Amino acid sequence: GAGSDGVGVDGVSSGVVKSGAEGSEESSEIEASQASRTGHT
C-alpha cells in the first residue's frame, strides 16, 4: 500500500494556505510539480 507515511496519494502533504503573490507563486510550483508527476505516472 501507499500513503502510509501520511503523504497523500499525489505526494503533496496538506499545509498552511498562503495568500498574495507568495501563495500564487507556490500554487504555480505545485501545479507544475503535479503536472510533472502526472507525466511520469
Full PDB file with SEQRES, HELIX, SHEET, SSBOND, CRYST1, ORIGX, SCALE, CONECT and MASTER records, all heavy atoms in Angstrom:
SEQRES   1 A   41  GLY ALA GLY SER ASP GLY VAL GLY VAL ASP GLY VAL SER          
SEQRES   2 A   41  SER GLY VAL VAL LYS SER GLY ALA GLU GLY SER GLU GLU          
SEQRES   3 A   41  SER SER GLU ILE GLU ALA SER GLN ALA SER ARG THR GLY          
SEQRES   4 A   41  HIS THR                                                      
HELIX    1 AA1 GLY A   20  HIS A   40  1                                  21    
CRYST1    1.000    1.000    1.000  90.00  90.00  90.00 P 1           1          
ORIGX1      1.000000  0.000000  0.000000        0.00000                         
ORIGX2      0.000000  1.000000  0.000000        0.00000                         
ORIGX3      0.000000  0.000000  1.000000        0.00000                         
SCALE1      1.000000  0.000000  0.000000        0.00000                         
SCALE2      0.000000  1.000000  0.000000        0.00000                         
SCALE3      0.000000  0.000000  1.000000        0.00000                         
ATOM      1  N   GLY A   1       0.813  -1.199   0.000  1.00  0.00           N  
ATOM      2  CA  GLY A   1       0.000   0.000   0.000  1.00  0.00           C  
ATOM      3  C   GLY A   1       0.844   1.245   0.000  1.00  0.00           C  
ATOM      4  O   GLY A   1       2.003   1.240   0.365  1.00  0.00           O  
ATOM      5  N   ALA A   2       0.248   2.335  -0.395  1.00  0.00           N  
ATOM      6  CA  ALA A   2       0.940   3.612  -0.443  1.00  0.00           C  
ATOM      7  C   ALA A   2       0.276   4.577   0.509  1.00  0.00           C  
ATOM      8  O   ALA A   2      -0.851   4.396   0.933  1.00  0.00           O  
ATOM      9  CB  ALA A   2       0.923   4.160  -1.868  1.00  0.00           C  
ATOM     10  N   GLY A   3       0.998   5.610   0.839  1.00  0.00           N  
ATOM     11  CA  GLY A   3       0.433   6.657   1.645  1.00  0.00           C  
ATOM     12  C   GLY A   3       0.487   6.401   3.129  1.00  0.00           C  
ATOM     13  O   GLY A   3      -0.135   7.112   3.897  1.00  0.00           O  
ATOM     14  N   SER A   4       1.232   5.398   3.583  1.00  0.00           N  
ATOM     15  CA  SER A   4       1.270   5.063   4.988  1.00  0.00           C  
ATOM     16  C   SER A   4       2.090   6.047   5.797  1.00  0.00           C  
ATOM     17  O   SER A   4       2.022   6.068   7.015  1.00  0.00           O  
ATOM     18  CB  SER A   4       1.843   3.650   5.171  1.00  0.00           C  
ATOM     19  OG  SER A   4       3.141   3.564   4.617  1.00  0.00           O  
ATOM     20  N   ASP A   5       2.899   6.839   5.122  1.00  0.00           N  
ATOM     21  CA  ASP A   5       3.728   7.799   5.853  1.00  0.00           C  
ATOM     22  C   ASP A   5       3.015   9.131   6.054  1.00  0.00           C  
ATOM     23  O   ASP A   5       3.612  10.108   6.477  1.00  0.00           O  
ATOM     24  CB  ASP A   5       5.040   8.036   5.088  1.00  0.00           C  
ATOM     25  CG  ASP A   5       4.799   8.499   3.669  1.00  0.00           C  
ATOM     26  OD1 ASP A   5       3.619   8.579   3.243  1.00  0.00           O  
ATOM     27  OD2 ASP A   5       5.783   8.782   2.984  1.00  0.00           O  
ATOM     28  N   GLY A   6       1.732   9.179   5.707  1.00  0.00           N  
ATOM     29  CA  GLY A   6       0.976  10.404   5.927  1.00  0.00           C  
ATOM     30  C   GLY A   6       0.952  11.333   4.743  1.00  0.00           C  
ATOM     31  O   GLY A   6       0.278  12.349   4.759  1.00  0.00           O  
ATOM     32  N   VAL A   7       1.695  10.963   3.696  1.00  0.00           N  
ATOM     33  CA  VAL A   7       1.710  11.780   2.487  1.00  0.00           C  
ATOM     34  C   VAL A   7       0.551  11.357   1.611  1.00  0.00           C  
ATOM     35  O   VAL A   7       0.251  10.176   1.471  1.00  0.00           O  
ATOM     36  CB  VAL A   7       3.039  11.609   1.727  1.00  0.00           C  
ATOM     37  CG1 VAL A   7       3.040  12.432   0.458  1.00  0.00           C  
ATOM     38  CG2 VAL A   7       4.200  12.007   2.629  1.00  0.00           C  
ATOM     39  N   GLY A   8      -0.124  12.287   0.996  1.00  0.00           N  
ATOM     40  CA  GLY A   8      -1.289  11.978   0.165  1.00  0.00           C  
ATOM     41  C   GLY A   8      -0.903  11.175  -1.047  1.00  0.00           C  
ATOM     42  O   GLY A   8       0.266  11.043  -1.401  1.00  0.00           O  
ATOM     43  N   VAL A   9      -1.892  10.654  -1.736  1.00  0.00           N  
ATOM     44  CA  VAL A   9      -1.639   9.810  -2.894  1.00  0.00           C  
ATOM     45  C   VAL A   9      -0.969  10.585  -4.018  1.00  0.00           C  
ATOM     46  O   VAL A   9      -0.319   9.994  -4.879  1.00  0.00           O  
ATOM     47  CB  VAL A   9      -2.963   9.186  -3.407  1.00  0.00           C  
ATOM     48  CG1 VAL A   9      -3.506   8.208  -2.406  1.00  0.00           C  
ATOM     49  CG2 VAL A   9      -3.980  10.275  -3.720  1.00  0.00           C  
ATOM     50  N   ASP A  10      -1.102  11.886  -4.030  1.00  0.00           N  
ATOM     51  CA  ASP A  10      -0.440  12.674  -5.063  1.00  0.00           C  
ATOM     52  C   ASP A  10       0.918  13.152  -4.606  1.00  0.00           C  
ATOM     53  O   ASP A  10       1.606  13.872  -5.319  1.00  0.00           O  
ATOM     54  CB  ASP A  10      -1.312  13.877  -5.481  1.00  0.00           C  
ATOM     55  CG  ASP A  10      -1.564  14.817  -4.313  1.00  0.00           C  
ATOM     56  OD1 ASP A  10      -1.195  14.458  -3.169  1.00  0.00           O  
ATOM     57  OD2 ASP A  10      -2.112  15.910  -4.553  1.00  0.00           O  
ATOM     58  N   GLY A  11       1.343  12.714  -3.409  1.00  0.00           N  
ATOM     59  CA  GLY A  11       2.666  13.064  -2.933  1.00  0.00           C  
ATOM     60  C   GLY A  11       2.736  14.432  -2.325  1.00  0.00           C  
ATOM     61  O   GLY A  11       3.800  14.889  -1.930  1.00  0.00           O  
ATOM     62  N   VAL A  12       1.603  15.153  -2.181  1.00  0.00           N  
ATOM     63  CA  VAL A  12       1.620  16.513  -1.642  1.00  0.00           C  
ATOM     64  C   VAL A  12       0.931  16.501  -0.295  1.00  0.00           C  
ATOM     65  O   VAL A  12      -0.233  16.137  -0.194  1.00  0.00           O  
ATOM     66  CB  VAL A  12       0.892  17.493  -2.585  1.00  0.00           C  
ATOM     67  CG1 VAL A  12       0.951  18.891  -2.001  1.00  0.00           C  
ATOM     68  CG2 VAL A  12       1.526  17.454  -3.972  1.00  0.00           C  
ATOM     69  N   SER A  13       1.634  16.889   0.742  1.00  0.00           N  
ATOM     70  CA  SER A  13       1.020  16.927   2.069  1.00  0.00           C  
ATOM     71  C   SER A  13       0.270  18.236   2.234  1.00  0.00           C  
ATOM     72  O   SER A  13       0.583  19.242   1.616  1.00  0.00           O  
ATOM     73  CB  SER A  13       2.105  16.808   3.160  1.00  0.00           C  
ATOM     74  OG  SER A  13       3.035  17.848   3.028  1.00  0.00           O  
ATOM     75  N   SER A  14      -0.767  18.180   3.076  1.00  0.00           N  
ATOM     76  CA  SER A  14      -1.549  19.388   3.307  1.00  0.00           C  
ATOM     77  C   SER A  14      -0.745  20.373   4.130  1.00  0.00           C  
ATOM     78  O   SER A  14      -0.003  19.992   5.025  1.00  0.00           O  
ATOM     79  CB  SER A  14      -2.840  19.013   4.043  1.00  0.00           C  
ATOM     80  OG  SER A  14      -2.529  18.358   5.263  1.00  0.00           O  
ATOM     81  N   GLY A  15      -0.893  21.661   3.814  1.00  0.00           N  
ATOM     82  CA  GLY A  15      -0.100  22.657   4.530  1.00  0.00           C  
ATOM     83  C   GLY A  15      -0.931  23.913   4.784  1.00  0.00           C  
ATOM     84  O   GLY A  15      -2.136  23.943   4.579  1.00  0.00           O  
ATOM     85  N   VAL A  16      -0.271  24.977   5.242  1.00  0.00           N  
ATOM     86  CA  VAL A  16      -0.951  26.238   5.545  1.00  0.00           C  
ATOM     87  C   VAL A  16      -1.224  26.981   4.249  1.00  0.00           C  
ATOM     88  O   VAL A  16      -0.357  27.101   3.388  1.00  0.00           O  
ATOM     89  CB  VAL A  16      -0.080  27.112   6.472  1.00  0.00           C  
ATOM     90  CG1 VAL A  16      -0.780  28.426   6.766  1.00  0.00           C  
ATOM     91  CG2 VAL A  16       0.216  26.347   7.759  1.00  0.00           C  
ATOM     92  N   VAL A  17      -2.445  27.488   4.105  1.00  0.00           N  
ATOM     93  CA  VAL A  17      -2.809  28.227   2.890  1.00  0.00           C  
ATOM     94  C   VAL A  17      -2.218  29.622   2.963  1.00  0.00           C  
ATOM     95  O   VAL A  17      -2.365  30.326   3.955  1.00  0.00           O  
ATOM     96  CB  VAL A  17      -4.347  28.307   2.742  1.00  0.00           C  
ATOM     97  CG1 VAL A  17      -4.708  29.111   1.505  1.00  0.00           C  
ATOM     98  CG2 VAL A  17      -4.945  26.901   2.684  1.00  0.00           C  
ATOM     99  N   LYS A  18      -1.530  30.016   1.894  1.00  0.00           N  
ATOM    100  CA  LYS A  18      -0.918  31.339   1.838  1.00  0.00           C  
ATOM    101  C   LYS A  18      -1.682  32.181   0.841  1.00  0.00           C  
ATOM    102  O   LYS A  18      -2.295  31.667  -0.091  1.00  0.00           O  
ATOM    103  CB  LYS A  18       0.556  31.237   1.428  1.00  0.00           C  
ATOM    104  CG  LYS A  18       1.432  30.519   2.478  1.00  0.00           C  
ATOM    105  CD  LYS A  18       2.864  30.547   2.042  1.00  0.00           C  
ATOM    106  CE  LYS A  18       3.784  29.928   3.089  1.00  0.00           C  
ATOM    107  NZ  LYS A  18       3.572  28.524   3.307  1.00  0.00           N  
ATOM    108  N   SER A  19      -1.598  33.491   0.994  1.00  0.00           N  
ATOM    109  CA  SER A  19      -2.309  34.401   0.100  1.00  0.00           C  
ATOM    110  C   SER A  19      -1.317  35.316  -0.586  1.00  0.00           C  
ATOM    111  O   SER A  19      -0.151  35.362  -0.227  1.00  0.00           O  
ATOM    112  CB  SER A  19      -3.318  35.230   0.904  1.00  0.00           C  
ATOM    113  OG  SER A  19      -2.652  35.972   1.908  1.00  0.00           O  
ATOM    114  N   GLY A  20      -1.824  36.070  -1.604  1.00  0.00           N  
ATOM    115  CA  GLY A  20      -0.983  37.055  -2.269  1.00  0.00           C  
ATOM    116  C   GLY A  20      -0.059  36.410  -3.267  1.00  0.00           C  
ATOM    117  O   GLY A  20      -0.256  35.297  -3.739  1.00  0.00           O  
ATOM    118  N   ALA A  21       1.032  37.173  -3.587  1.00  0.00           N  
ATOM    119  CA  ALA A  21       1.986  36.730  -4.606  1.00  0.00           C  
ATOM    120  C   ALA A  21       2.676  35.441  -4.188  1.00  0.00           C  
ATOM    121  O   ALA A  21       2.941  34.558  -5.004  1.00  0.00           O  
ATOM    122  CB  ALA A  21       3.022  37.839  -4.855  1.00  0.00           C  
ATOM    123  N   GLU A  22       2.984  35.356  -2.856  1.00  0.00           N  
ATOM    124  CA  GLU A  22       3.680  34.162  -2.374  1.00  0.00           C  
ATOM    125  C   GLU A  22       2.823  32.922  -2.579  1.00  0.00           C  
ATOM    126  O   GLU A  22       3.280  31.891  -3.034  1.00  0.00           O  
ATOM    127  CB  GLU A  22       3.995  34.343  -0.885  1.00  0.00           C  
ATOM    128  CG  GLU A  22       4.768  33.154  -0.299  1.00  0.00           C  
ATOM    129  CD  GLU A  22       5.009  33.351   1.185  1.00  0.00           C  
ATOM    130  OE1 GLU A  22       4.665  34.412   1.705  1.00  0.00           O  
ATOM    131  OE2 GLU A  22       5.558  32.412   1.799  1.00  0.00           O  
ATOM    132  N   GLY A  23       1.503  33.085  -2.251  1.00  0.00           N  
ATOM    133  CA  GLY A  23       0.605  31.948  -2.422  1.00  0.00           C  
ATOM    134  C   GLY A  23       0.423  31.601  -3.882  1.00  0.00           C  
ATOM    135  O   GLY A  23       0.346  30.433  -4.251  1.00  0.00           O  
ATOM    136  N   SER A  24       0.328  32.614  -4.752  1.00  0.00           N  
ATOM    137  CA  SER A  24       0.161  32.363  -6.185  1.00  0.00           C  
ATOM    138  C   SER A  24       1.372  31.658  -6.769  1.00  0.00           C  
ATOM    139  O   SER A  24       1.242  30.736  -7.568  1.00  0.00           O  
ATOM    140  CB  SER A  24      -0.080  33.698  -6.897  1.00  0.00           C  
ATOM    141  OG  SER A  24      -0.160  33.493  -8.289  1.00  0.00           O  
ATOM    142  N   GLU A  25       2.584  32.137  -6.336  1.00  0.00           N  
ATOM    143  CA  GLU A  25       3.821  31.526  -6.850  1.00  0.00           C  
ATOM    144  C   GLU A  25       3.920  30.075  -6.401  1.00  0.00           C  
ATOM    145  O   GLU A  25       4.270  29.193  -7.184  1.00  0.00           O  
ATOM    146  CB  GLU A  25       5.020  32.331  -6.345  1.00  0.00           C  
ATOM    147  CG  GLU A  25       6.357  31.785  -6.868  1.00  0.00           C  
ATOM    148  CD  GLU A  25       7.521  32.627  -6.364  1.00  0.00           C  
ATOM    149  OE1 GLU A  25       7.273  33.689  -5.762  1.00  0.00           O  
ATOM    150  OE2 GLU A  25       8.654  32.192  -6.580  1.00  0.00           O  
ATOM    151  N   GLU A  26       3.592  29.839  -5.115  1.00  0.00           N  
ATOM    152  CA  GLU A  26       3.670  28.468  -4.594  1.00  0.00           C  
ATOM    153  C   GLU A  26       2.641  27.585  -5.280  1.00  0.00           C  
ATOM    154  O   GLU A  26       2.891  26.427  -5.577  1.00  0.00           O  
ATOM    155  CB  GLU A  26       3.430  28.480  -3.089  1.00  0.00           C  
ATOM    156  CG  GLU A  26       3.605  27.106  -2.452  1.00  0.00           C  
ATOM    157  CD  GLU A  26       3.584  27.204  -0.945  1.00  0.00           C  
ATOM    158  OE1 GLU A  26       4.075  28.208  -0.410  1.00  0.00           O  
ATOM    159  OE2 GLU A  26       3.067  26.261  -0.319  1.00  0.00           O  
ATOM    160  N   SER A  27       1.442  28.169  -5.560  1.00  0.00           N  
ATOM    161  CA  SER A  27       0.410  27.402  -6.248  1.00  0.00           C  
ATOM    162  C   SER A  27       0.869  26.986  -7.638  1.00  0.00           C  
ATOM    163  O   SER A  27       0.628  25.857  -8.072  1.00  0.00           O  
ATOM    164  CB  SER A  27      -0.863  28.236  -6.333  1.00  0.00           C  
ATOM    165  OG  SER A  27      -1.851  27.541  -7.064  1.00  0.00           O  
ATOM    166  N   SER A  28       1.569  27.899  -8.340  1.00  0.00           N  
ATOM    167  CA  SER A  28       2.071  27.585  -9.679  1.00  0.00           C  
ATOM    168  C   SER A  28       3.102  26.464  -9.620  1.00  0.00           C  
ATOM    169  O   SER A  28       3.141  25.566 -10.466  1.00  0.00           O  
ATOM    170  CB  SER A  28       2.683  28.831 -10.321  1.00  0.00           C  
ATOM    171  OG  SER A  28       1.708  29.841 -10.460  1.00  0.00           O  
ATOM    172  N   GLU A  29       3.980  26.524  -8.591  1.00  0.00           N  
ATOM    173  CA  GLU A  29       5.009  25.495  -8.434  1.00  0.00           C  
ATOM    174  C   GLU A  29       4.362  24.132  -8.166  1.00  0.00           C  
ATOM    175  O   GLU A  29       4.793  23.101  -8.700  1.00  0.00           O  
ATOM    176  CB  GLU A  29       5.950  25.872  -7.301  1.00  0.00           C  
ATOM    177  CG  GLU A  29       6.841  27.071  -7.614  1.00  0.00           C  
ATOM    178  CD  GLU A  29       7.703  27.447  -6.413  1.00  0.00           C  
ATOM    179  OE1 GLU A  29       7.523  26.815  -5.348  1.00  0.00           O  
ATOM    180  OE2 GLU A  29       8.542  28.349  -6.563  1.00  0.00           O  
ATOM    181  N   ILE A  30       3.308  24.150  -7.333  1.00  0.00           N  
ATOM    182  CA  ILE A  30       2.626  22.896  -7.019  1.00  0.00           C  
ATOM    183  C   ILE A  30       1.976  22.314  -8.274  1.00  0.00           C  
ATOM    184  O   ILE A  30       2.055  21.116  -8.553  1.00  0.00           O  
ATOM    185  CB  ILE A  30       1.574  23.118  -5.918  1.00  0.00           C  
ATOM    186  CG1 ILE A  30       2.267  23.425  -4.593  1.00  0.00           C  
ATOM    187  CG2 ILE A  30       0.667  21.901  -5.773  1.00  0.00           C  
ATOM    188  CD1 ILE A  30       1.315  23.776  -3.475  1.00  0.00           C  
ATOM    189  N   GLU A  31       1.311  23.220  -9.082  1.00  0.00           N  
ATOM    190  CA  GLU A  31       0.678  22.746 -10.301  1.00  0.00           C  
ATOM    191  C   GLU A  31       1.695  22.171 -11.270  1.00  0.00           C  
ATOM    192  O   GLU A  31       1.455  21.145 -11.912  1.00  0.00           O  
ATOM    193  CB  GLU A  31      -0.092  23.888 -10.960  1.00  0.00           C  
ATOM    194  CG  GLU A  31      -1.326  24.324 -10.170  1.00  0.00           C  
ATOM    195  CD  GLU A  31      -1.994  25.526 -10.799  1.00  0.00           C  
ATOM    196  OE1 GLU A  31      -1.474  26.011 -11.821  1.00  0.00           O  
ATOM    197  OE2 GLU A  31      -3.034  25.969 -10.278  1.00  0.00           O  
ATOM    198  N   ALA A  32       2.855  22.841 -11.377  1.00  0.00           N  
ATOM    199  CA  ALA A  32       3.909  22.342 -12.265  1.00  0.00           C  
ATOM    200  C   ALA A  32       4.423  20.986 -11.781  1.00  0.00           C  
ATOM    201  O   ALA A  32       4.676  20.072 -12.573  1.00  0.00           O  
ATOM    202  CB  ALA A  32       5.055  23.355 -12.341  1.00  0.00           C  
ATOM    203  N   SER A  33       4.578  20.885 -10.450  1.00  0.00           N  
ATOM    204  CA  SER A  33       5.059  19.624  -9.881  1.00  0.00           C  
ATOM    205  C   SER A  33       4.057  18.509 -10.124  1.00  0.00           C  
ATOM    206  O   SER A  33       4.424  17.389 -10.474  1.00  0.00           O  
ATOM    207  CB  SER A  33       5.300  19.805  -8.383  1.00  0.00           C  
ATOM    208  OG  SER A  33       5.696  18.582  -7.795  1.00  0.00           O  
ATOM    209  N   GLN A  34       2.749  18.837  -9.947  1.00  0.00           N  
ATOM    210  CA  GLN A  34       1.724  17.827 -10.179  1.00  0.00           C  
ATOM    211  C   GLN A  34       1.679  17.408 -11.641  1.00  0.00           C  
ATOM    212  O   GLN A  34       1.504  16.228 -11.961  1.00  0.00           O  
ATOM    213  CB  GLN A  34       0.366  18.370  -9.750  1.00  0.00           C  
ATOM    214  CG  GLN A  34       0.207  18.491  -8.237  1.00  0.00           C  
ATOM    215  CD  GLN A  34      -1.129  19.117  -7.855  1.00  0.00           C  
ATOM    216  OE1 GLN A  34      -1.708  19.852  -8.653  1.00  0.00           O  
ATOM    217  NE2 GLN A  34      -1.584  18.836  -6.642  1.00  0.00           N  
ATOM    218  N   ALA A  35       1.852  18.364 -12.549  1.00  0.00           N  
ATOM    219  CA  ALA A  35       1.863  18.040 -13.980  1.00  0.00           C  
ATOM    220  C   ALA A  35       3.029  17.131 -14.315  1.00  0.00           C  
ATOM    221  O   ALA A  35       2.915  16.186 -15.102  1.00  0.00           O  
ATOM    222  CB  ALA A  35       1.932  19.328 -14.811  1.00  0.00           C  
ATOM    223  N   SER A  36       4.193  17.424 -13.695  1.00  0.00           N  
ATOM    224  CA  SER A  36       5.365  16.589 -13.930  1.00  0.00           C  
ATOM    225  C   SER A  36       5.131  15.178 -13.433  1.00  0.00           C  
ATOM    226  O   SER A  36       5.455  14.202 -14.109  1.00  0.00           O  
ATOM    227  CB  SER A  36       6.586  17.208 -13.227  1.00  0.00           C  
ATOM    228  OG  SER A  36       7.707  16.373 -13.363  1.00  0.00           O  
ATOM    229  N   ARG A  37       4.525  15.117 -12.222  1.00  0.00           N  
ATOM    230  CA  ARG A  37       4.259  13.797 -11.667  1.00  0.00           C  
ATOM    231  C   ARG A  37       3.244  13.040 -12.506  1.00  0.00           C  
ATOM    232  O   ARG A  37       3.326  11.831 -12.684  1.00  0.00           O  
ATOM    233  CB  ARG A  37       3.755  13.928 -10.228  1.00  0.00           C  
ATOM    234  CG  ARG A  37       4.890  14.092  -9.205  1.00  0.00           C  
ATOM    235  CD  ARG A  37       4.334  13.932  -7.801  1.00  0.00           C  
ATOM    236  NE  ARG A  37       3.389  14.997  -7.462  1.00  0.00           N  
ATOM    237  CZ  ARG A  37       3.740  16.156  -6.932  1.00  0.00           C  
ATOM    238  NH1 ARG A  37       5.020  16.417  -6.720  1.00  0.00           N  
ATOM    239  NH2 ARG A  37       2.849  17.074  -6.645  1.00  0.00           N  
ATOM    240  N   THR A  38       2.258  13.748 -13.032  1.00  0.00           N  
ATOM    241  CA  THR A  38       1.263  13.115 -13.889  1.00  0.00           C  
ATOM    242  C   THR A  38       1.901  12.542 -15.142  1.00  0.00           C  
ATOM    243  O   THR A  38       1.585  11.438 -15.588  1.00  0.00           O  
ATOM    244  CB  THR A  38       0.170  14.124 -14.279  1.00  0.00           C  
ATOM    245  OG1 THR A  38      -0.449  14.613 -13.090  1.00  0.00           O  
ATOM    246  CG2 THR A  38      -0.875  13.471 -15.170  1.00  0.00           C  
ATOM    247  N   GLY A  39       2.863  13.312 -15.705  1.00  0.00           N  
ATOM    248  CA  GLY A  39       3.586  12.830 -16.881  1.00  0.00           C  
ATOM    249  C   GLY A  39       4.377  11.577 -16.575  1.00  0.00           C  
ATOM    250  O   GLY A  39       4.370  10.608 -17.343  1.00  0.00           O  
ATOM    251  N   HIS A  40       5.064  11.590 -15.412  1.00  0.00           N  
ATOM    252  CA  HIS A  40       5.825  10.403 -15.016  1.00  0.00           C  
ATOM    253  C   HIS A  40       4.900   9.217 -14.778  1.00  0.00           C  
ATOM    254  O   HIS A  40       5.214   8.084 -15.138  1.00  0.00           O  
ATOM    255  CB  HIS A  40       6.628  10.684 -13.740  1.00  0.00           C  
ATOM    256  CG  HIS A  40       7.809  11.586 -13.966  1.00  0.00           C  
ATOM    257  ND1 HIS A  40       8.774  11.300 -14.902  1.00  0.00           N  
ATOM    258  CD2 HIS A  40       8.175  12.756 -13.362  1.00  0.00           C  
ATOM    259  CE1 HIS A  40       9.704  12.257 -14.884  1.00  0.00           C  
ATOM    260  NE2 HIS A  40       9.360  13.160 -13.959  1.00  0.00           N  
ATOM    261  N   THR A  41       3.743   9.477 -14.180  1.00  0.00           N  
ATOM    262  CA  THR A  41       2.779   8.412 -13.915  1.00  0.00           C  
ATOM    263  C   THR A  41       2.263   7.804 -15.207  1.00  0.00           C  
ATOM    264  O   THR A  41       2.133   6.583 -15.335  1.00  0.00           O  
ATOM    265  CB  THR A  41       1.596   8.942 -13.088  1.00  0.00           C  
ATOM    266  OG1 THR A  41       2.091   9.487 -11.861  1.00  0.00           O  
ATOM    267  CG2 THR A  41       0.604   7.827 -12.784  1.00  0.00           C  
TER     268      THR A  41                                                      
MASTER        0    0    0    1    0    0    0    6  267    1    0    4          
END                                                                             
